[in-house]
Amino acid sequence: MEILFWLVPPAVVTVVAMLWVTWLGRDGRGEVDRDVAVQRLERALRKDHSALSRPGPGASRARERSTGIAVRPSRATDDRRSA
């Protein structure tokens, strides 16, 4: 049991750091004015998002279905040369 005492200092430092970061971050999230939020939403909805809906150059290829089994290429040509 004494061998686990070396874990106490890192655990204490971790807990103190978590409490410190929590205390520092509590004021970081200020409330946004409702009118400002509505204006931001309106601007975002007016943007042209057509580029996001178009498929890219790699999207036209059909993807092979994975069976979950690894198949290695045949080495029959190498076996014949060594014989």
N, C-alpha and C. Protein backbone atom coordinates (compact mmCIF):
# COMPACT_ATOMS: atom_id res chain seq x y z
N MET A 1 0.81 -1.19 0.00
CA MET A 1 0.00 0.00 0.00
C MET A 1 0.86 1.26 0.00
N GLU A 2 2.04 1.19 0.64
CA GLU A 2 2.91 2.36 0.71
C GLU A 2 3.42 2.76 -0.66
N ILE A 3 3.48 1.80 -1.57
CA ILE A 3 4.00 2.10 -2.90
C ILE A 3 3.08 3.06 -3.66
N LEU A 4 1.80 3.09 -3.29
CA LEU A 4 0.86 3.97 -3.96
C LEU A 4 0.93 5.42 -3.46
N PHE A 5 1.71 5.69 -2.42
CA PHE A 5 1.83 7.06 -1.91
C PHE A 5 2.48 7.99 -2.91
N TRP A 6 3.24 7.46 -3.85
CA TRP A 6 3.86 8.33 -4.85
C TRP A 6 2.82 8.92 -5.80
N LEU A 7 1.61 8.37 -5.80
CA LEU A 7 0.55 8.91 -6.63
C LEU A 7 -0.16 10.10 -6.00
N VAL A 8 0.02 10.31 -4.70
CA VAL A 8 -0.69 11.38 -4.00
C VAL A 8 -0.29 12.77 -4.51
N PRO A 9 1.00 13.11 -4.61
CA PRO A 9 1.33 14.47 -5.07
C PRO A 9 0.79 14.79 -6.47
N PRO A 10 0.94 13.91 -7.48
CA PRO A 10 0.35 14.25 -8.78
C PRO A 10 -1.17 14.38 -8.73
N ALA A 11 -1.83 13.57 -7.93
CA ALA A 11 -3.29 13.66 -7.82
C ALA A 11 -3.70 14.98 -7.18
N VAL A 12 -2.99 15.41 -6.16
CA VAL A 12 -3.30 16.68 -5.50
C VAL A 12 -3.06 17.84 -6.47
N VAL A 13 -1.95 17.81 -7.20
CA VAL A 13 -1.66 18.86 -8.17
C VAL A 13 -2.74 18.90 -9.26
N THR A 14 -3.19 17.75 -9.71
CA THR A 14 -4.23 17.69 -10.74
C THR A 14 -5.53 18.28 -10.23
N VAL A 15 -5.93 17.93 -9.03
CA VAL A 15 -7.18 18.45 -8.47
C VAL A 15 -7.08 19.96 -8.27
N VAL A 16 -5.96 20.43 -7.77
CA VAL A 16 -5.79 21.88 -7.57
C VAL A 16 -5.82 22.60 -8.92
N ALA A 17 -5.19 22.03 -9.95
CA ALA A 17 -5.20 22.66 -11.27
C ALA A 17 -6.61 22.68 -11.85
N MET A 18 -7.38 21.61 -11.67
CA MET A 18 -8.76 21.59 -12.16
C MET A 18 -9.60 22.66 -11.46
N LEU A 19 -9.45 22.79 -10.15
CA LEU A 19 -10.20 23.81 -9.42
C LEU A 19 -9.80 25.21 -9.84
N TRP A 20 -8.51 25.42 -10.06
CA TRP A 20 -8.01 26.73 -10.47
C TRP A 20 -8.55 27.12 -11.85
N VAL A 21 -8.51 26.19 -12.79
CA VAL A 21 -9.01 26.46 -14.13
C VAL A 21 -10.51 26.70 -14.11
N THR A 22 -11.22 25.96 -13.29
CA THR A 22 -12.67 26.16 -13.15
C THR A 22 -12.97 27.54 -12.60
N TRP A 23 -12.20 27.96 -11.61
CA TRP A 23 -12.41 29.26 -11.00
C TRP A 23 -12.08 30.38 -11.99
N LEU A 24 -11.01 30.23 -12.76
CA LEU A 24 -10.63 31.25 -13.73
C LEU A 24 -11.61 31.33 -14.89
N GLY A 25 -12.16 30.21 -15.30
CA GLY A 25 -13.01 30.17 -16.47
C GLY A 25 -14.46 30.53 -16.22
N ARG A 26 -14.84 30.74 -15.00
CA ARG A 26 -16.26 30.98 -14.71
C ARG A 26 -16.75 32.30 -15.28
N ASP A 27 -15.89 33.31 -15.41
CA ASP A 27 -16.30 34.59 -15.96
C ASP A 27 -16.07 34.66 -17.47
N GLY A 28 -15.47 33.65 -18.04
CA GLY A 28 -15.12 33.68 -19.45
C GLY A 28 -16.31 33.61 -20.39
N ARG A 29 -17.43 33.09 -19.94
CA ARG A 29 -18.59 32.95 -20.81
C ARG A 29 -19.61 34.05 -20.48
N GLY A 30 -19.41 35.19 -21.10
CA GLY A 30 -20.35 36.27 -20.90
C GLY A 30 -21.60 36.03 -21.73
N GLU A 31 -22.70 36.60 -21.29
CA GLU A 31 -23.95 36.43 -22.03
C GLU A 31 -23.95 37.34 -23.25
N VAL A 32 -24.45 36.82 -24.35
CA VAL A 32 -24.57 37.59 -25.57
C VAL A 32 -25.95 38.22 -25.60
N ASP A 33 -25.99 39.47 -26.01
CA ASP A 33 -27.26 40.17 -26.12
C ASP A 33 -28.16 39.44 -27.11
N ARG A 34 -29.43 39.35 -26.81
CA ARG A 34 -30.37 38.61 -27.65
C ARG A 34 -30.44 39.20 -29.06
N ASP A 35 -30.44 40.53 -29.17
CA ASP A 35 -30.51 41.16 -30.48
C ASP A 35 -29.26 40.86 -31.31
N VAL A 36 -28.11 40.86 -30.66
CA VAL A 36 -26.86 40.55 -31.36
C VAL A 36 -26.89 39.10 -31.84
N ALA A 37 -27.38 38.21 -31.01
CA ALA A 37 -27.46 36.80 -31.41
C ALA A 37 -28.40 36.62 -32.59
N VAL A 38 -29.52 37.34 -32.61
CA VAL A 38 -30.47 37.24 -33.73
C VAL A 38 -29.83 37.77 -35.00
N GLN A 39 -29.07 38.86 -34.91
CA GLN A 39 -28.39 39.40 -36.09
C GLN A 39 -27.35 38.43 -36.63
N ARG A 40 -26.59 37.80 -35.74
CA ARG A 40 -25.59 36.81 -36.18
C ARG A 40 -26.27 35.63 -36.88
N LEU A 41 -27.37 35.18 -36.32
CA LEU A 41 -28.10 34.06 -36.92
C LEU A 41 -28.64 34.46 -38.29
N GLU A 42 -29.16 35.66 -38.41
CA GLU A 42 -29.69 36.13 -39.68
C GLU A 42 -28.59 36.19 -40.74
N ARG A 43 -27.42 36.70 -40.37
CA ARG A 43 -26.30 36.74 -41.32
C ARG A 43 -25.86 35.35 -41.73
N ALA A 44 -25.84 34.42 -40.79
CA ALA A 44 -25.42 33.05 -41.11
C ALA A 44 -26.42 32.37 -42.03
N LEU A 45 -27.70 32.64 -41.83
CA LEU A 45 -28.72 32.02 -42.68
C LEU A 45 -28.74 32.61 -44.08
N ARG A 46 -28.31 33.85 -44.24
CA ARG A 46 -28.30 34.49 -45.55
C ARG A 46 -27.10 34.09 -46.40
N LYS A 47 -26.07 33.53 -45.79
CA LYS A 47 -24.87 33.14 -46.54
C LYS A 47 -25.20 32.06 -47.56
N ASP A 48 -24.42 32.05 -48.64
CA ASP A 48 -24.58 31.04 -49.67
C ASP A 48 -23.81 29.78 -49.26
N HIS A 49 -24.53 28.72 -48.98
CA HIS A 49 -23.91 27.47 -48.55
C HIS A 49 -23.97 26.41 -49.64
N SER A 50 -24.11 26.83 -50.89
CA SER A 50 -24.23 25.84 -51.97
C SER A 50 -22.95 25.06 -52.18
N ALA A 51 -21.81 25.63 -51.83
CA ALA A 51 -20.53 24.93 -52.00
C ALA A 51 -20.45 23.72 -51.07
N LEU A 52 -21.15 23.77 -49.96
CA LEU A 52 -21.10 22.65 -49.02
C LEU A 52 -21.94 21.48 -49.50
N SER A 53 -22.96 21.73 -50.32
CA SER A 53 -23.84 20.65 -50.74
C SER A 53 -23.35 19.95 -52.00
N ARG A 54 -22.41 20.57 -52.74
CA ARG A 54 -21.90 19.93 -53.95
C ARG A 54 -20.90 18.85 -53.58
N PRO A 55 -20.98 17.71 -54.24
CA PRO A 55 -19.99 16.66 -53.95
C PRO A 55 -18.63 17.04 -54.52
N GLY A 56 -17.59 16.64 -53.85
CA GLY A 56 -16.24 16.92 -54.29
C GLY A 56 -15.80 15.98 -55.39
N PRO A 57 -14.58 16.14 -55.88
CA PRO A 57 -14.11 15.30 -56.98
C PRO A 57 -13.99 13.82 -56.61
N GLY A 58 -13.74 13.51 -55.37
CA GLY A 58 -13.59 12.12 -54.95
C GLY A 58 -14.90 11.45 -54.60
N ALA A 59 -15.99 12.22 -54.57
CA ALA A 59 -17.27 11.67 -54.13
C ALA A 59 -17.96 10.85 -55.22
N SER A 60 -17.52 10.97 -56.47
CA SER A 60 -18.20 10.26 -57.54
C SER A 60 -17.82 8.78 -57.60
N ARG A 61 -16.68 8.44 -57.02
CA ARG A 61 -16.26 7.03 -57.04
C ARG A 61 -17.05 6.23 -56.01
N ALA A 62 -17.46 5.04 -56.40
CA ALA A 62 -18.17 4.16 -55.47
C ALA A 62 -17.14 3.53 -54.53
N ARG A 63 -17.46 3.53 -53.27
CA ARG A 63 -16.55 2.97 -52.29
C ARG A 63 -16.77 1.47 -52.16
N GLU A 64 -15.67 0.72 -52.10
CA GLU A 64 -15.80 -0.72 -51.97
C GLU A 64 -16.27 -1.06 -50.56
N ARG A 65 -17.13 -2.03 -50.50
CA ARG A 65 -17.67 -2.44 -49.21
C ARG A 65 -16.65 -3.32 -48.50
N SER A 66 -16.39 -3.01 -47.27
CA SER A 66 -15.43 -3.77 -46.49
C SER A 66 -16.12 -4.99 -45.88
N THR A 67 -15.48 -6.14 -46.00
CA THR A 67 -16.03 -7.36 -45.42
C THR A 67 -15.43 -7.65 -44.06
N GLY A 68 -14.39 -6.90 -43.70
CA GLY A 68 -13.75 -7.13 -42.42
C GLY A 68 -12.70 -8.21 -42.47
N ILE A 69 -12.44 -8.77 -43.65
CA ILE A 69 -11.44 -9.82 -43.79
C ILE A 69 -10.29 -9.26 -44.61
N ALA A 70 -9.08 -9.43 -44.11
CA ALA A 70 -7.91 -8.96 -44.83
C ALA A 70 -7.52 -10.00 -45.88
N VAL A 71 -7.44 -9.57 -47.12
CA VAL A 71 -7.07 -10.46 -48.20
C VAL A 71 -5.75 -9.99 -48.77
N ARG A 72 -4.75 -10.86 -48.73
CA ARG A 72 -3.45 -10.50 -49.26
C ARG A 72 -3.34 -10.95 -50.71
N PRO A 73 -2.58 -10.22 -51.51
CA PRO A 73 -2.42 -10.62 -52.90
C PRO A 73 -1.70 -11.97 -53.01
N SER A 74 -2.00 -12.67 -54.05
CA SER A 74 -1.41 -13.98 -54.25
C SER A 74 0.08 -13.84 -54.56
N ARG A 75 0.88 -14.77 -54.08
CA ARG A 75 2.32 -14.77 -54.33
C ARG A 75 2.72 -15.97 -55.16
N ALA A 76 1.81 -16.42 -55.99
CA ALA A 76 2.10 -17.61 -56.81
C ALA A 76 3.24 -17.37 -57.78
N THR A 77 3.38 -16.17 -58.28
CA THR A 77 4.46 -15.88 -59.25
C THR A 77 5.82 -15.96 -58.56
N ASP A 78 5.93 -15.54 -57.32
CA ASP A 78 7.19 -15.59 -56.60
C ASP A 78 7.56 -17.03 -56.24
N ASP A 79 6.57 -17.86 -55.91
CA ASP A 79 6.84 -19.25 -55.55
C ASP A 79 7.36 -20.04 -56.74
N ARG A 80 6.87 -19.78 -57.93
CA ARG A 80 7.32 -20.51 -59.11
C ARG A 80 8.76 -20.19 -59.47
N ARG A 81 9.17 -18.97 -59.24
CA ARG A 81 10.54 -18.58 -59.58
C ARG A 81 11.55 -19.25 -58.68
N SER A 82 11.22 -19.46 -57.41
CA SER A 82 12.19 -20.03 -56.49
C SER A 82 12.31 -21.54 -56.64
N ALA A 83 11.34 -22.18 -57.26
CA ALA A 83 11.38 -23.64 -57.40
C ALA A 83 12.22 -24.11 -58.54
